[in-house]
Amino acid sequence: MPALTGLRFWLAVWVILHHISNKGMMLEAWSNSLPAPLSRFMHSGFLAVQTFFVLSGFVLARTYAQTRWNGQSLGRMRVTQIRPRAVLFTIEEFGLSRQDSLVWTDTLKVRN
């Protein structure tokens, strides 16, 4: 599994490069100055997303394949692992943790 983790890392780097080298982004000029095959490679980062998700699903399936789930263990896992992240994300996105929330600042502008 370490080899898949390494591959997933490079796929994530590819996605990040794809995002910051698109039109209007900070590496646009640099990516356009690259040789055509390398520039096309960077601009096709959407392929890395699909591959990353497939590999992640495989890693998760292998990790939890031996786990016997019942209602209590599944509920415990959801409460201890998933719910805290969901609560923190909700607090951040609705601007309760700070005034300049990432998404809602422009949406919830107060009009005078």
PDB file of N, CA and C in Angstrom:
ATOM      1  N   MET A   1       0.790  -1.214   0.000  1.00  0.00           N
ATOM      2  CA  MET A   1       0.000   0.000   0.000  1.00  0.00           C
ATOM      3  C   MET A   1       0.835   1.283   0.000  1.00  0.00           C
ATOM      4  N   PRO A   2       2.084   1.274   0.506  1.00  0.00           N
ATOM      5  CA  PRO A   2       2.879   2.500   0.456  1.00  0.00           C
ATOM      6  C   PRO A   2       3.094   3.008  -0.971  1.00  0.00           C
ATOM      7  N   ALA A   3       3.206   2.101  -1.931  1.00  0.00           N
ATOM      8  CA  ALA A   3       3.382   2.536  -3.317  1.00  0.00           C
ATOM      9  C   ALA A   3       2.149   3.294  -3.803  1.00  0.00           C
ATOM     10  N   LEU A   4       0.965   2.829  -3.419  1.00  0.00           N
ATOM     11  CA  LEU A   4      -0.257   3.524  -3.816  1.00  0.00           C
ATOM     12  C   LEU A   4      -0.355   4.886  -3.126  1.00  0.00           C
ATOM     13  N   THR A   5       0.098   4.953  -1.888  1.00  0.00           N
ATOM     14  CA  THR A   5       0.078   6.235  -1.177  1.00  0.00           C
ATOM     15  C   THR A   5       0.999   7.228  -1.877  1.00  0.00           C
ATOM     16  N   GLY A   6       2.163   6.769  -2.304  1.00  0.00           N
ATOM     17  CA  GLY A   6       3.076   7.642  -3.043  1.00  0.00           C
ATOM     18  C   GLY A   6       2.479   8.104  -4.356  1.00  0.00           C
ATOM     19  N   LEU A   7       1.820   7.192  -5.059  1.00  0.00           N
ATOM     20  CA  LEU A   7       1.167   7.547  -6.321  1.00  0.00           C
ATOM     21  C   LEU A   7       0.048   8.553  -6.082  1.00  0.00           C
ATOM     22  N   ARG A   8      -0.729   8.350  -5.018  1.00  0.00           N
ATOM     23  CA  ARG A   8      -1.790   9.300  -4.690  1.00  0.00           C
ATOM     24  C   ARG A   8      -1.218  10.672  -4.376  1.00  0.00           C
ATOM     25  N   PHE A   9      -0.045  10.729  -3.732  1.00  0.00           N
ATOM     26  CA  PHE A   9       0.606  12.007  -3.454  1.00  0.00           C
ATOM     27  C   PHE A   9       0.910  12.737  -4.759  1.00  0.00           C
ATOM     28  N   TRP A  10       1.527  12.050  -5.725  1.00  0.00           N
ATOM     29  CA  TRP A  10       1.886  12.697  -6.988  1.00  0.00           C
ATOM     30  C   TRP A  10       0.655  13.092  -7.792  1.00  0.00           C
ATOM     31  N   LEU A  11      -0.411  12.316  -7.674  1.00  0.00           N
ATOM     32  CA  LEU A  11      -1.662  12.708  -8.332  1.00  0.00           C
ATOM     33  C   LEU A  11      -2.212  13.994  -7.717  1.00  0.00           C
ATOM     34  N   ALA A  12      -2.115  14.110  -6.394  1.00  0.00           N
ATOM     35  CA  ALA A  12      -2.580  15.330  -5.721  1.00  0.00           C
ATOM     36  C   ALA A  12      -1.735  16.535  -6.142  1.00  0.00           C
ATOM     37  N   VAL A  13      -0.434  16.359  -6.276  1.00  0.00           N
ATOM     38  CA  VAL A  13       0.438  17.436  -6.749  1.00  0.00           C
ATOM     39  C   VAL A  13       0.038  17.850  -8.160  1.00  0.00           C
ATOM     40  N   TRP A  14      -0.263  16.876  -8.999  1.00  0.00           N
ATOM     41  CA  TRP A  14      -0.690  17.147 -10.376  1.00  0.00           C
ATOM     42  C   TRP A  14      -1.960  17.991 -10.391  1.00  0.00           C
ATOM     43  N   VAL A  15      -2.919  17.649  -9.528  1.00  0.00           N
ATOM     44  CA  VAL A  15      -4.169  18.405  -9.450  1.00  0.00           C
ATOM     45  C   VAL A  15      -3.896  19.845  -9.007  1.00  0.00           C
ATOM     46  N   ILE A  16      -3.031  20.016  -8.017  1.00  0.00           N
ATOM     47  CA  ILE A  16      -2.707  21.360  -7.546  1.00  0.00           C
ATOM     48  C   ILE A  16      -2.052  22.172  -8.665  1.00  0.00           C
ATOM     49  N   LEU A  17      -1.096  21.571  -9.370  1.00  0.00           N
ATOM     50  CA  LEU A  17      -0.461  22.266 -10.497  1.00  0.00           C
ATOM     51  C   LEU A  17      -1.482  22.624 -11.569  1.00  0.00           C
ATOM     52  N   HIS A  18      -2.408  21.725 -11.812  1.00  0.00           N
ATOM     53  CA  HIS A  18      -3.472  21.986 -12.785  1.00  0.00           C
ATOM     54  C   HIS A  18      -4.263  23.235 -12.383  1.00  0.00           C
ATOM     55  N   HIS A  19      -4.604  23.326 -11.106  1.00  0.00           N
ATOM     56  CA  HIS A  19      -5.414  24.456 -10.646  1.00  0.00           C
ATOM     57  C   HIS A  19      -4.652  25.776 -10.675  1.00  0.00           C
ATOM     58  N   ILE A  20      -3.393  25.768 -10.290  1.00  0.00           N
ATOM     59  CA  ILE A  20      -2.670  27.043 -10.217  1.00  0.00           C
ATOM     60  C   ILE A  20      -2.010  27.433 -11.535  1.00  0.00           C
ATOM     61  N   SER A  21      -2.167  26.615 -12.576  1.00  0.00           N
ATOM     62  CA  SER A  21      -1.594  26.975 -13.879  1.00  0.00           C
ATOM     63  C   SER A  21      -2.665  27.272 -14.924  1.00  0.00           C
ATOM     64  N   ASN A  22      -3.914  27.257 -14.526  1.00  0.00           N
ATOM     65  CA  ASN A  22      -4.990  27.568 -15.468  1.00  0.00           C
ATOM     66  C   ASN A  22      -5.040  29.055 -15.771  1.00  0.00           C
ATOM     67  N   LYS A  23      -5.909  29.416 -16.692  1.00  0.00           N
ATOM     68  CA  LYS A  23      -6.037  30.808 -17.125  1.00  0.00           C
ATOM     69  C   LYS A  23      -6.364  31.716 -15.947  1.00  0.00           C
ATOM     70  N   GLY A  24      -5.560  32.777 -15.823  1.00  0.00           N
ATOM     71  CA  GLY A  24      -5.782  33.749 -14.769  1.00  0.00           C
ATOM     72  C   GLY A  24      -5.154  33.389 -13.435  1.00  0.00           C
ATOM     73  N   MET A  25      -4.494  32.257 -13.346  1.00  0.00           N
ATOM     74  CA  MET A  25      -3.886  31.838 -12.086  1.00  0.00           C
ATOM     75  C   MET A  25      -2.405  32.206 -12.064  1.00  0.00           C
ATOM     76  N   MET A  26      -1.766  32.038 -10.914  1.00  0.00           N
ATOM     77  CA  MET A  26      -0.416  32.562 -10.732  1.00  0.00           C
ATOM     78  C   MET A  26       0.662  31.875 -11.559  1.00  0.00           C
ATOM     79  N   LEU A  27       0.478  30.654 -11.995  1.00  0.00           N
ATOM     80  CA  LEU A  27       1.492  29.975 -12.810  1.00  0.00           C
ATOM     81  C   LEU A  27       1.101  29.873 -14.283  1.00  0.00           C
ATOM     82  N   GLU A  28       0.135  30.677 -14.706  1.00  0.00           N
ATOM     83  CA  GLU A  28      -0.329  30.592 -16.098  1.00  0.00           C
ATOM     84  C   GLU A  28       0.804  30.889 -17.080  1.00  0.00           C
ATOM     85  N   ALA A  29       1.526  31.967 -16.871  1.00  0.00           N
ATOM     86  CA  ALA A  29       2.597  32.338 -17.808  1.00  0.00           C
ATOM     87  C   ALA A  29       3.689  31.281 -17.835  1.00  0.00           C
ATOM     88  N   TRP A  30       4.049  30.766 -16.678  1.00  0.00           N
ATOM     89  CA  TRP A  30       5.076  29.735 -16.610  1.00  0.00           C
ATOM     90  C   TRP A  30       4.640  28.474 -17.336  1.00  0.00           C
ATOM     91  N   SER A  31       3.401  28.041 -17.098  1.00  0.00           N
ATOM     92  CA  SER A  31       2.938  26.805 -17.738  1.00  0.00           C
ATOM     93  C   SER A  31       2.825  26.965 -19.250  1.00  0.00           C
ATOM     94  N   ASN A  32       2.490  28.170 -19.711  1.00  0.00           N
ATOM     95  CA  ASN A  32       2.410  28.397 -21.152  1.00  0.00           C
ATOM     96  C   ASN A  32       3.785  28.449 -21.801  1.00  0.00           C
ATOM     97  N   SER A  33       4.836  28.715 -21.012  1.00  0.00           N
ATOM     98  CA  SER A  33       6.190  28.765 -21.565  1.00  0.00           C
ATOM     99  C   SER A  33       6.836  27.380 -21.645  1.00  0.00           C
ATOM    100  N   LEU A  34       6.180  26.385 -21.065  1.00  0.00           N
ATOM    101  CA  LEU A  34       6.721  25.023 -21.095  1.00  0.00           C
ATOM    102  C   LEU A  34       6.548  24.413 -22.482  1.00  0.00           C
ATOM    103  N   PRO A  35       7.323  23.369 -22.798  1.00  0.00           N
ATOM    104  CA  PRO A  35       7.093  22.659 -24.064  1.00  0.00           C
ATOM    105  C   PRO A  35       5.652  22.148 -24.127  1.00  0.00           C
ATOM    106  N   ALA A  36       5.109  22.069 -25.313  1.00  0.00           N
ATOM    107  CA  ALA A  36       3.691  21.729 -25.498  1.00  0.00           C
ATOM    108  C   ALA A  36       3.267  20.438 -24.794  1.00  0.00           C
ATOM    109  N   PRO A  37       4.034  19.337 -24.887  1.00  0.00           N
ATOM    110  CA  PRO A  37       3.580  18.116 -24.203  1.00  0.00           C
ATOM    111  C   PRO A  37       3.489  18.289 -22.686  1.00  0.00           C
ATOM    112  N   LEU A  38       4.444  18.995 -22.099  1.00  0.00           N
ATOM    113  CA  LEU A  38       4.413  19.204 -20.651  1.00  0.00           C
ATOM    114  C   LEU A  38       3.272  20.139 -20.255  1.00  0.00           C
ATOM    115  N   SER A  39       3.026  21.160 -21.057  1.00  0.00           N
ATOM    116  CA  SER A  39       1.912  22.072 -20.785  1.00  0.00           C
ATOM    117  C   SER A  39       0.576  21.337 -20.868  1.00  0.00           C
ATOM    118  N   ARG A  40       0.416  20.491 -21.883  1.00  0.00           N
ATOM    119  CA  ARG A  40      -0.819  19.699 -22.007  1.00  0.00           C
ATOM    120  C   ARG A  40      -0.981  18.761 -20.815  1.00  0.00           C
ATOM    121  N   PHE A  41       0.137  18.188 -20.360  1.00  0.00           N
ATOM    122  CA  PHE A  41       0.099  17.301 -19.206  1.00  0.00           C
ATOM    123  C   PHE A  41      -0.412  18.049 -17.971  1.00  0.00           C
ATOM    124  N   MET A  42       0.115  19.246 -17.731  1.00  0.00           N
ATOM    125  CA  MET A  42      -0.321  20.023 -16.564  1.00  0.00           C
ATOM    126  C   MET A  42      -1.788  20.414 -16.664  1.00  0.00           C
ATOM    127  N   HIS A  43      -2.237  20.718 -17.867  1.00  0.00           N
ATOM    128  CA  HIS A  43      -3.631  21.158 -18.040  1.00  0.00           C
ATOM    129  C   HIS A  43      -4.616  19.993 -18.088  1.00  0.00           C
ATOM    130  N   SER A  44      -4.140  18.776 -17.971  1.00  0.00           N
ATOM    131  CA  SER A  44      -5.054  17.630 -17.951  1.00  0.00           C
ATOM    132  C   SER A  44      -5.134  17.022 -16.556  1.00  0.00           C
ATOM    133  N   GLY A  45      -5.039  17.844 -15.543  1.00  0.00           N
ATOM    134  CA  GLY A  45      -5.089  17.393 -14.155  1.00  0.00           C
ATOM    135  C   GLY A  45      -6.411  16.764 -13.760  1.00  0.00           C
ATOM    136  N   PHE A  46      -7.448  16.983 -14.536  1.00  0.00           N
ATOM    137  CA  PHE A  46      -8.743  16.350 -14.238  1.00  0.00           C
ATOM    138  C   PHE A  46      -8.622  14.829 -14.287  1.00  0.00           C
ATOM    139  N   LEU A  47      -7.693  14.317 -15.066  1.00  0.00           N
ATOM    140  CA  LEU A  47      -7.465  12.864 -15.103  1.00  0.00           C
ATOM    141  C   LEU A  47      -6.901  12.368 -13.775  1.00  0.00           C
ATOM    142  N   ALA A  48      -6.096  13.196 -13.135  1.00  0.00           N
ATOM    143  CA  ALA A  48      -5.520  12.829 -11.844  1.00  0.00           C
ATOM    144  C   ALA A  48      -6.603  12.721 -10.777  1.00  0.00           C
ATOM    145  N   VAL A  49      -7.624  13.558 -10.857  1.00  0.00           N
ATOM    146  CA  VAL A  49      -8.705  13.518  -9.872  1.00  0.00           C
ATOM    147  C   VAL A  49      -9.412  12.175  -9.934  1.00  0.00           C
ATOM    148  N   GLN A  50      -9.767  11.748 -11.124  1.00  0.00           N
ATOM    149  CA  GLN A  50     -10.464  10.470 -11.276  1.00  0.00           C
ATOM    150  C   GLN A  50      -9.603   9.311 -10.792  1.00  0.00           C
ATOM    151  N   THR A  51      -8.330   9.326 -11.162  1.00  0.00           N
ATOM    152  CA  THR A  51      -7.423   8.255 -10.749  1.00  0.00           C
ATOM    153  C   THR A  51      -7.226   8.273  -9.244  1.00  0.00           C
ATOM    154  N   PHE A  52      -7.107   9.459  -8.655  1.00  0.00           N
ATOM    155  CA  PHE A  52      -6.944   9.592  -7.209  1.00  0.00           C
ATOM    156  C   PHE A  52      -8.141   8.981  -6.479  1.00  0.00           C
ATOM    157  N   PHE A  53      -9.348   9.275  -6.948  1.00  0.00           N
ATOM    158  CA  PHE A  53     -10.541   8.739  -6.287  1.00  0.00           C
ATOM    159  C   PHE A  53     -10.629   7.223  -6.411  1.00  0.00           C
ATOM    160  N   VAL A  54     -10.289   6.692  -7.557  1.00  0.00           N
ATOM    161  CA  VAL A  54     -10.322   5.233  -7.733  1.00  0.00           C
ATOM    162  C   VAL A  54      -9.316   4.575  -6.786  1.00  0.00           C
ATOM    163  N   LEU A  55      -8.098   5.097  -6.744  1.00  0.00           N
ATOM    164  CA  LEU A  55      -7.079   4.533  -5.854  1.00  0.00           C
ATOM    165  C   LEU A  55      -7.466   4.689  -4.387  1.00  0.00           C
ATOM    166  N   SER A  56      -8.058   5.818  -4.033  1.00  0.00           N
ATOM    167  CA  SER A  56      -8.486   6.030  -2.650  1.00  0.00           C
ATOM    168  C   SER A  56      -9.566   5.030  -2.261  1.00  0.00           C
ATOM    169  N   GLY A  57     -10.494   4.790  -3.157  1.00  0.00           N
ATOM    170  CA  GLY A  57     -11.524   3.787  -2.892  1.00  0.00           C
ATOM    171  C   GLY A  57     -10.927   2.407  -2.690  1.00  0.00           C
ATOM    172  N   PHE A  58      -9.937   2.076  -3.499  1.00  0.00           N
ATOM    173  CA  PHE A  58      -9.273   0.786  -3.363  1.00  0.00           C
ATOM    174  C   PHE A  58      -8.545   0.683  -2.021  1.00  0.00           C
ATOM    175  N   VAL A  59      -7.818   1.743  -1.645  1.00  0.00           N
ATOM    176  CA  VAL A  59      -7.089   1.746  -0.376  1.00  0.00           C
ATOM    177  C   VAL A  59      -8.059   1.617   0.793  1.00  0.00           C
ATOM    178  N   LEU A  60      -9.160   2.358   0.771  1.00  0.00           N
ATOM    179  CA  LEU A  60     -10.146   2.271   1.852  1.00  0.00           C
ATOM    180  C   LEU A  60     -10.797   0.887   1.913  1.00  0.00           C
ATOM    181  N   ALA A  61     -11.116   0.334   0.762  1.00  0.00           N
ATOM    182  CA  ALA A  61     -11.719  -0.998   0.737  1.00  0.00           C
ATOM    183  C   ALA A  61     -10.766  -2.036   1.322  1.00  0.00           C
ATOM    184  N   ARG A  62      -9.483  -1.954   0.958  1.00  0.00           N
ATOM    185  CA  ARG A  62      -8.497  -2.899   1.504  1.00  0.00           C
ATOM    186  C   ARG A  62      -8.313  -2.688   3.003  1.00  0.00           C
ATOM    187  N   THR A  63      -8.328  -1.443   3.442  1.00  0.00           N
ATOM    188  CA  THR A  63      -8.125  -1.143   4.854  1.00  0.00           C
ATOM    189  C   THR A  63      -9.260  -1.694   5.708  1.00  0.00           C
ATOM    190  N   TYR A  64     -10.481  -1.527   5.242  1.00  0.00           N
ATOM    191  CA  TYR A  64     -11.643  -1.936   6.033  1.00  0.00           C
ATOM    192  C   TYR A  64     -12.206  -3.296   5.646  1.00  0.00           C
ATOM    193  N   ALA A  65     -11.518  -4.030   4.785  1.00  0.00           N
ATOM    194  CA  ALA A  65     -12.036  -5.317   4.314  1.00  0.00           C
ATOM    195  C   ALA A  65     -12.195  -6.321   5.445  1.00  0.00           C
ATOM    196  N   GLN A  66     -11.318  -6.323   6.412  1.00  0.00           N
ATOM    197  CA  GLN A  66     -11.358  -7.296   7.509  1.00  0.00           C
ATOM    198  C   GLN A  66     -12.236  -6.842   8.678  1.00  0.00           C
ATOM    199  N   THR A  67     -12.752  -5.633   8.609  1.00  0.00           N
ATOM    200  CA  THR A  67     -13.567  -5.101   9.698  1.00  0.00           C
ATOM    201  C   THR A  67     -14.982  -5.653   9.605  1.00  0.00           C
ATOM    202  N   ARG A  68     -15.459  -6.122  10.713  1.00  0.00           N
ATOM    203  CA  ARG A  68     -16.846  -6.591  10.790  1.00  0.00           C
ATOM    204  C   ARG A  68     -17.698  -5.441  11.325  1.00  0.00           C
ATOM    205  N   TRP A  69     -18.617  -4.984  10.522  1.00  0.00           N
ATOM    206  CA  TRP A  69     -19.431  -3.841  10.897  1.00  0.00           C
ATOM    207  C   TRP A  69     -20.754  -4.306  11.465  1.00  0.00           C
ATOM    208  N   ASN A  70     -21.154  -3.682  12.543  1.00  0.00           N
ATOM    209  CA  ASN A  70     -22.516  -3.812  13.037  1.00  0.00           C
ATOM    210  C   ASN A  70     -23.002  -2.403  13.326  1.00  0.00           C
ATOM    211  N   GLY A  71     -24.206  -2.266  13.727  1.00  0.00           N
ATOM    212  CA  GLY A  71     -24.755  -0.936  13.952  1.00  0.00           C
ATOM    213  C   GLY A  71     -23.972  -0.125  14.960  1.00  0.00           C
ATOM    214  N   GLN A  72     -23.513  -0.761  16.028  1.00  0.00           N
ATOM    215  CA  GLN A  72     -22.797  -0.038  17.076  1.00  0.00           C
ATOM    216  C   GLN A  72     -21.412   0.408  16.599  1.00  0.00           C
ATOM    217  N   SER A  73     -20.648  -0.469  15.948  1.00  0.00           N
ATOM    218  CA  SER A  73     -19.298  -0.080  15.519  1.00  0.00           C
ATOM    219  C   SER A  73     -19.354   0.956  14.397  1.00  0.00           C
ATOM    220  N   LEU A  74     -20.328   0.825  13.508  1.00  0.00           N
ATOM    221  CA  LEU A  74     -20.466   1.818  12.445  1.00  0.00           C
ATOM    222  C   LEU A  74     -20.860   3.172  13.023  1.00  0.00           C
ATOM    223  N   GLY A  75     -21.782   3.159  13.975  1.00  0.00           N
ATOM    224  CA  GLY A  75     -22.189   4.401  14.630  1.00  0.00           C
ATOM    225  C   GLY A  75     -21.048   5.051  15.382  1.00  0.00           C
ATOM    226  N   ARG A  76     -20.249   4.255  16.079  1.00  0.00           N
ATOM    227  CA  ARG A  76     -19.098   4.784  16.810  1.00  0.00           C
ATOM    228  C   ARG A  76     -18.095   5.407  15.839  1.00  0.00           C
ATOM    229  N   MET A  77     -17.846   4.761  14.729  1.00  0.00           N
ATOM    230  CA  MET A  77     -16.909   5.280  13.741  1.00  0.00           C
ATOM    231  C   MET A  77     -17.413   6.610  13.171  1.00  0.00           C
ATOM    232  N   ARG A  78     -18.686   6.685  12.884  1.00  0.00           N
ATOM    233  CA  ARG A  78     -19.237   7.924  12.323  1.00  0.00           C
ATOM    234  C   ARG A  78     -19.138   9.075  13.327  1.00  0.00           C
ATOM    235  N   VAL A  79     -19.437   8.792  14.583  1.00  0.00           N
ATOM    236  CA  VAL A  79     -19.412   9.843  15.602  1.00  0.00           C
ATOM    237  C   VAL A  79     -17.992  10.306  15.879  1.00  0.00           C
ATOM    238  N   THR A  80     -17.034   9.385  15.928  1.00  0.00           N
ATOM    239  CA  THR A  80     -15.665   9.758  16.297  1.00  0.00           C
ATOM    240  C   THR A  80     -14.839  10.276  15.130  1.00  0.00           C
ATOM    241  N   GLN A  81     -15.162   9.900  13.906  1.00  0.00           N
ATOM    242  CA  GLN A  81     -14.321  10.295  12.780  1.00  0.00           C
ATOM    243  C   GLN A  81     -14.992  11.277  11.826  1.00  0.00           C
ATOM    244  N   ILE A  82     -16.226  11.059  11.506  1.00  0.00           N
ATOM    245  CA  ILE A  82     -16.870  11.852  10.467  1.00  0.00           C
ATOM    246  C   ILE A  82     -17.562  13.086  11.032  1.00  0.00           C
ATOM    247  N   ARG A  83     -18.322  12.940  12.078  1.00  0.00           N
ATOM    248  CA  ARG A  83     -19.106  14.058  12.608  1.00  0.00           C
ATOM    249  C   ARG A  83     -18.267  15.257  13.040  1.00  0.00           C
ATOM    250  N   PRO A  84     -17.146  15.079  13.757  1.00  0.00           N
ATOM    251  CA  PRO A  84     -16.377  16.275  14.148  1.00  0.00           C
ATOM    252  C   PRO A  84     -15.919  17.097  12.941  1.00  0.00           C
ATOM    253  N   ARG A  85     -15.506  16.441  11.883  1.00  0.00           N
ATOM    254  CA  ARG A  85     -15.082  17.169  10.685  1.00  0.00           C
ATOM    255  C   ARG A  85     -16.265  17.908  10.057  1.00  0.00           C
ATOM    256  N   ALA A  86     -17.402  17.268  10.023  1.00  0.00           N
ATOM    257  CA  ALA A  86     -18.582  17.900   9.440  1.00  0.00           C
ATOM    258  C   ALA A  86     -18.998  19.121  10.257  1.00  0.00           C
ATOM    259  N   VAL A  87     -18.932  19.014  11.561  1.00  0.00           N
ATOM    260  CA  VAL A  87     -19.297  20.143  12.423  1.00  0.00           C
ATOM    261  C   VAL A  87     -18.321  21.298  12.230  1.00  0.00           C
ATOM    262  N   LEU A  88     -17.012  21.006  12.200  1.00  0.00           N
ATOM    263  CA  LEU A  88     -16.026  22.064  12.004  1.00  0.00           C
ATOM    264  C   LEU A  88     -16.175  22.731  10.642  1.00  0.00           C
ATOM    265  N   PHE A  89     -16.432  21.955   9.613  1.00  0.00           N
ATOM    266  CA  PHE A  89     -16.630  22.514   8.281  1.00  0.00           C
ATOM    267  C   PHE A  89     -17.862  23.419   8.264  1.00  0.00           C
ATOM    268  N   THR A  90     -18.922  22.974   8.879  1.00  0.00           N
ATOM    269  CA  THR A  90     -20.148  23.765   8.906  1.00  0.00           C
ATOM    270  C   THR A  90     -19.932  25.080   9.644  1.00  0.00           C
ATOM    271  N   ILE A  91     -19.242  25.029  10.778  1.00  0.00           N
ATOM    272  CA  ILE A  91     -18.960  26.249  11.525  1.00  0.00           C
ATOM    273  C   ILE A  91     -18.157  27.225  10.675  1.00  0.00           C
ATOM    274  N   GLU A  92     -17.127  26.720  10.009  1.00  0.00           N
ATOM    275  CA  GLU A  92     -16.292  27.594   9.179  1.00  0.00           C
ATOM    276  C   GLU A  92     -17.082  28.188   8.030  1.00  0.00           C
ATOM    277  N   GLU A  93     -17.809  27.385   7.325  1.00  0.00           N
ATOM    278  CA  GLU A  93     -18.476  27.859   6.124  1.00  0.00           C
ATOM    279  C   GLU A  93     -19.630  28.799   6.408  1.00  0.00           C
ATOM    280  N   PHE A  94     -20.233  28.710   7.544  1.00  0.00           N
ATOM    281  CA  PHE A  94     -21.297  29.646   7.859  1.00  0.00           C
ATOM    282  C   PHE A  94     -20.788  30.868   8.609  1.00  0.00           C
ATOM    283  N   GLY A  95     -19.468  30.985   8.710  1.00  0.00           N
ATOM    284  CA  GLY A  95     -18.873  32.192   9.250  1.00  0.00           C
ATOM    285  C   GLY A  95     -18.954  32.351  10.751  1.00  0.00           C
ATOM    286  N   LEU A  96     -19.227  31.275  11.460  1.00  0.00           N
ATOM    287  CA  LEU A  96     -19.308  31.395  12.903  1.00  0.00           C
ATOM    288  C   LEU A  96     -17.931  31.394  13.557  1.00  0.00           C
ATOM    289  N   SER A  97     -16.916  30.879  12.856  1.00  0.00           N
ATOM    290  CA  SER A  97     -15.585  30.835  13.452  1.00  0.00           C
ATOM    291  C   SER A  97     -14.814  32.125  13.211  1.00  0.00           C
ATOM    292  N   ARG A  98     -15.135  32.857  12.152  1.00  0.00           N
ATOM    293  CA  ARG A  98     -14.479  34.139  11.883  1.00  0.00           C
ATOM    294  C   ARG A  98     -15.338  34.948  10.910  1.00  0.00           C
ATOM    295  N   GLN A  99     -15.088  36.202  10.850  1.00  0.00           N
ATOM    296  CA  GLN A  99     -15.924  37.081  10.039  1.00  0.00           C
ATOM    297  C   GLN A  99     -15.729  36.881   8.539  1.00  0.00           C
ATOM    298  N   ASP A 100     -14.520  36.586   8.100  1.00  0.00           N
ATOM    299  CA  ASP A 100     -14.254  36.486   6.665  1.00  0.00           C
ATOM    300  C   ASP A 100     -14.250  35.033   6.208  1.00  0.00           C
ATOM    301  N   SER A 101     -15.368  34.380   6.367  1.00  0.00           N
ATOM    302  CA  SER A 101     -15.487  32.992   5.950  1.00  0.00           C
ATOM    303  C   SER A 101     -15.138  32.852   4.468  1.00  0.00           C
ATOM    304  N   LEU A 102     -14.542  31.742   4.100  1.00  0.00           N
ATOM    305  CA  LEU A 102     -14.036  31.559   2.747  1.00  0.00           C
ATOM    306  C   LEU A 102     -15.109  31.657   1.665  1.00  0.00           C
ATOM    307  N   VAL A 103     -16.247  31.039   1.890  1.00  0.00           N
ATOM    308  CA  VAL A 103     -17.270  30.974   0.848  1.00  0.00           C
ATOM    309  C   VAL A 103     -18.333  32.041   1.014  1.00  0.00           C
ATOM    310  N   TRP A 104     -18.752  32.281   2.239  1.00  0.00           N
ATOM    311  CA  TRP A 104     -19.954  33.078   2.456  1.00  0.00           C
ATOM    312  C   TRP A 104     -19.705  34.580   2.532  1.00  0.00           C
ATOM    313  N   THR A 105     -18.481  35.051   2.502  1.00  0.00           N
ATOM    314  CA  THR A 105     -18.218  36.478   2.628  1.00  0.00           C
ATOM    315  C   THR A 105     -18.928  37.267   1.542  1.00  0.00           C
ATOM    316  N   ASP A 106     -18.770  36.861   0.284  1.00  0.00           N
ATOM    317  CA  ASP A 106     -19.407  37.588  -0.809  1.00  0.00           C
ATOM    318  C   ASP A 106     -20.904  37.354  -0.856  1.00  0.00           C
ATOM    319  N   THR A 107     -21.328  36.176  -0.459  1.00  0.00           N
ATOM    320  CA  THR A 107     -22.746  35.826  -0.537  1.00  0.00           C
ATOM    321  C   THR A 107     -23.575  36.564   0.517  1.00  0.00           C
ATOM    322  N   LEU A 108     -23.028  36.731   1.709  1.00  0.00           N
ATOM    323  CA  LEU A 108     -23.804  37.292   2.811  1.00  0.00           C
ATOM    324  C   LEU A 108     -23.450  38.743   3.123  1.00  0.00           C
ATOM    325  N   LYS A 109     -23.085  39.509   2.128  1.00  0.00           N
ATOM    326  CA  LYS A 109     -22.739  40.916   2.359  1.00  0.00           C
ATOM    327  C   LYS A 109     -23.939  41.668   2.900  1.00  0.00           C
ATOM    328  N   VAL A 110     -23.675  42.486   3.891  1.00  0.00           N
ATOM    329  CA  VAL A 110     -24.746  43.300   4.481  1.00  0.00           C
ATOM    330  C   VAL A 110     -24.921  44.534   3.597  1.00  0.00           C
ATOM    331  N   ARG A 111     -26.132  44.788   3.235  1.00  0.00           N
ATOM    332  CA  ARG A 111     -26.412  45.944   2.365  1.00  0.00           C
ATOM    333  C   ARG A 111     -26.932  47.089   3.214  1.00  0.00           C
ATOM    334  N   ASN A 112     -26.369  48.247   2.991  1.00  0.00           N
ATOM    335  CA  ASN A 112     -26.795  49.440   3.750  1.00  0.00           C
ATOM    336  C   ASN A 112     -27.847  50.195   2.991  1.00  0.00           C
TER     337      ASN A 112
END
